[in-house]
Amino acid sequence: MSTFTDYQVADMSLAAWGRKEISIAEIIRLMDGPLAPVGSVSKFFYDESPIEQSEKFIILLREIRDYISDKLEKTTFADLL
């Protein structure tokens, strides 16, 4: 038998700070995983793939990863409100 626990926020004054400090990249990584289009170019979630055989394609995918990451790291939750 499980019991329901009603959780309460300890300090609501920190909510504004959290909205200003949490980047969209952090939210996406926590909910969806890597920002990279494929695992073989991911900085944090590397996974070997057949794409690695094409150096030019890997370079392109890394550029895409870096562009997306840069934009999302610089955007906070508060920026979207």
C-alpha atoms as a PDB file:
ATOM      1  CA  MET A   1       0.000   0.000   0.000  1.00  0.00           C
ATOM      2  CA  SER A   2       1.505   3.305  -1.055  1.00  0.00           C
ATOM      3  CA  THR A   3       0.815   6.630   0.544  1.00  0.00           C
ATOM      4  CA  PHE A   4       0.664   9.953  -1.219  1.00  0.00           C
ATOM      5  CA  THR A   5       3.093  12.570  -0.023  1.00  0.00           C
ATOM      6  CA  ASP A   6       2.261  16.168  -0.772  1.00  0.00           C
ATOM      7  CA  TYR A   7       5.609  17.827  -1.409  1.00  0.00           C
ATOM      8  CA  GLN A   8       6.112  21.488  -0.675  1.00  0.00           C
ATOM      9  CA  VAL A   9       8.691  23.858  -2.083  1.00  0.00           C
ATOM     10  CA  ALA A  10      11.109  24.848   0.666  1.00  0.00           C
ATOM     11  CA  ASP A  11      11.878  28.333  -0.595  1.00  0.00           C
ATOM     12  CA  MET A  12       9.819  29.886  -3.396  1.00  0.00           C
ATOM     13  CA  SER A  13      12.147  32.889  -3.456  1.00  0.00           C
ATOM     14  CA  LEU A  14      14.601  30.677  -5.359  1.00  0.00           C
ATOM     15  CA  ALA A  15      12.173  30.136  -8.252  1.00  0.00           C
ATOM     16  CA  ALA A  16      13.184  33.341 -10.046  1.00  0.00           C
ATOM     17  CA  TRP A  17      16.852  32.442  -9.659  1.00  0.00           C
ATOM     18  CA  GLY A  18      16.227  29.000 -11.149  1.00  0.00           C
ATOM     19  CA  ARG A  19      14.450  30.419 -14.193  1.00  0.00           C
ATOM     20  CA  LYS A  20      17.414  32.750 -14.833  1.00  0.00           C
ATOM     21  CA  GLU A  21      20.107  30.120 -14.307  1.00  0.00           C
ATOM     22  CA  ILE A  22      18.747  26.974 -15.941  1.00  0.00           C
ATOM     23  CA  SER A  23      19.662  26.766 -19.615  1.00  0.00           C
ATOM     24  CA  ILE A  24      17.424  25.168 -22.211  1.00  0.00           C
ATOM     25  CA  ALA A  25      20.315  22.818 -23.028  1.00  0.00           C
ATOM     26  CA  GLU A  26      20.225  21.466 -19.462  1.00  0.00           C
ATOM     27  CA  ILE A  27      16.488  20.852 -19.675  1.00  0.00           C
ATOM     28  CA  ILE A  28      16.771  19.037 -23.015  1.00  0.00           C
ATOM     29  CA  ARG A  29      19.688  16.890 -21.824  1.00  0.00           C
ATOM     30  CA  LEU A  30      17.765  15.865 -18.710  1.00  0.00           C
ATOM     31  CA  MET A  31      14.554  15.081 -20.570  1.00  0.00           C
ATOM     32  CA  ASP A  32      15.760  13.856 -23.946  1.00  0.00           C
ATOM     33  CA  GLY A  33      19.491  13.116 -23.784  1.00  0.00           C
ATOM     34  CA  PRO A  34      22.244  14.442 -26.033  1.00  0.00           C
ATOM     35  CA  LEU A  35      21.965  17.568 -28.156  1.00  0.00           C
ATOM     36  CA  ALA A  36      24.138  16.041 -30.882  1.00  0.00           C
ATOM     37  CA  PRO A  37      22.323  14.730 -33.977  1.00  0.00           C
ATOM     38  CA  VAL A  38      24.115  11.357 -33.630  1.00  0.00           C
ATOM     39  CA  GLY A  39      25.905   9.638 -30.750  1.00  0.00           C
ATOM     40  CA  SER A  40      29.282   9.536 -32.460  1.00  0.00           C
ATOM     41  CA  VAL A  41      29.637  13.335 -32.267  1.00  0.00           C
ATOM     42  CA  SER A  42      28.181  13.769 -28.789  1.00  0.00           C
ATOM     43  CA  LYS A  43      30.484  15.299 -26.168  1.00  0.00           C
ATOM     44  CA  PHE A  44      28.681  13.783 -23.185  1.00  0.00           C
ATOM     45  CA  PHE A  45      26.860  10.746 -24.597  1.00  0.00           C
ATOM     46  CA  TYR A  46      29.365   9.342 -27.130  1.00  0.00           C
ATOM     47  CA  ASP A  47      28.302   6.158 -28.867  1.00  0.00           C
ATOM     48  CA  GLU A  48      30.192   4.565 -31.758  1.00  0.00           C
ATOM     49  CA  SER A  49      28.397   4.571 -35.119  1.00  0.00           C
ATOM     50  CA  PRO A  50      29.111   3.729 -38.780  1.00  0.00           C
ATOM     51  CA  ILE A  51      28.993   7.455 -39.616  1.00  0.00           C
ATOM     52  CA  GLU A  52      32.491   7.775 -38.139  1.00  0.00           C
ATOM     53  CA  GLN A  53      33.883   6.331 -41.386  1.00  0.00           C
ATOM     54  CA  SER A  54      33.147   9.610 -43.182  1.00  0.00           C
ATOM     55  CA  GLU A  55      35.400  12.327 -41.745  1.00  0.00           C
ATOM     56  CA  LYS A  56      33.709  15.120 -43.735  1.00  0.00           C
ATOM     57  CA  PHE A  57      30.280  14.101 -42.484  1.00  0.00           C
ATOM     58  CA  ILE A  58      31.544  13.936 -38.890  1.00  0.00           C
ATOM     59  CA  ILE A  59      32.954  17.457 -39.225  1.00  0.00           C
ATOM     60  CA  LEU A  60      29.585  18.711 -40.508  1.00  0.00           C
ATOM     61  CA  LEU A  61      27.688  17.014 -37.675  1.00  0.00           C
ATOM     62  CA  ARG A  62      30.093  18.453 -35.083  1.00  0.00           C
ATOM     63  CA  GLU A  63      29.519  21.943 -36.479  1.00  0.00           C
ATOM     64  CA  ILE A  64      25.753  21.395 -36.216  1.00  0.00           C
ATOM     65  CA  ARG A  65      26.145  20.070 -32.653  1.00  0.00           C
ATOM     66  CA  ASP A  66      28.270  23.070 -31.634  1.00  0.00           C
ATOM     67  CA  TYR A  67      25.844  25.579 -33.154  1.00  0.00           C
ATOM     68  CA  ILE A  68      22.818  24.022 -31.463  1.00  0.00           C
ATOM     69  CA  SER A  69      24.627  23.634 -28.155  1.00  0.00           C
ATOM     70  CA  ASP A  70      25.867  27.220 -28.207  1.00  0.00           C
ATOM     71  CA  LYS A  71      22.381  28.610 -28.812  1.00  0.00           C
ATOM     72  CA  LEU A  72      20.703  26.436 -26.187  1.00  0.00           C
ATOM     73  CA  GLU A  73      23.407  26.987 -23.535  1.00  0.00           C
ATOM     74  CA  LYS A  74      22.992  30.762 -23.909  1.00  0.00           C
ATOM     75  CA  THR A  75      19.203  30.612 -23.663  1.00  0.00           C
ATOM     76  CA  THR A  76      17.654  30.334 -20.209  1.00  0.00           C
ATOM     77  CA  PHE A  77      14.175  29.324 -19.205  1.00  0.00           C
ATOM     78  CA  ALA A  78      13.467  32.958 -18.295  1.00  0.00           C
ATOM     79  CA  ASP A  79      14.374  34.065 -21.846  1.00  0.00           C
ATOM     80  CA  LEU A  80      11.429  32.075 -23.168  1.00  0.00           C
ATOM     81  CA  LEU A  81       8.845  33.471 -20.756  1.00  0.00           C
END
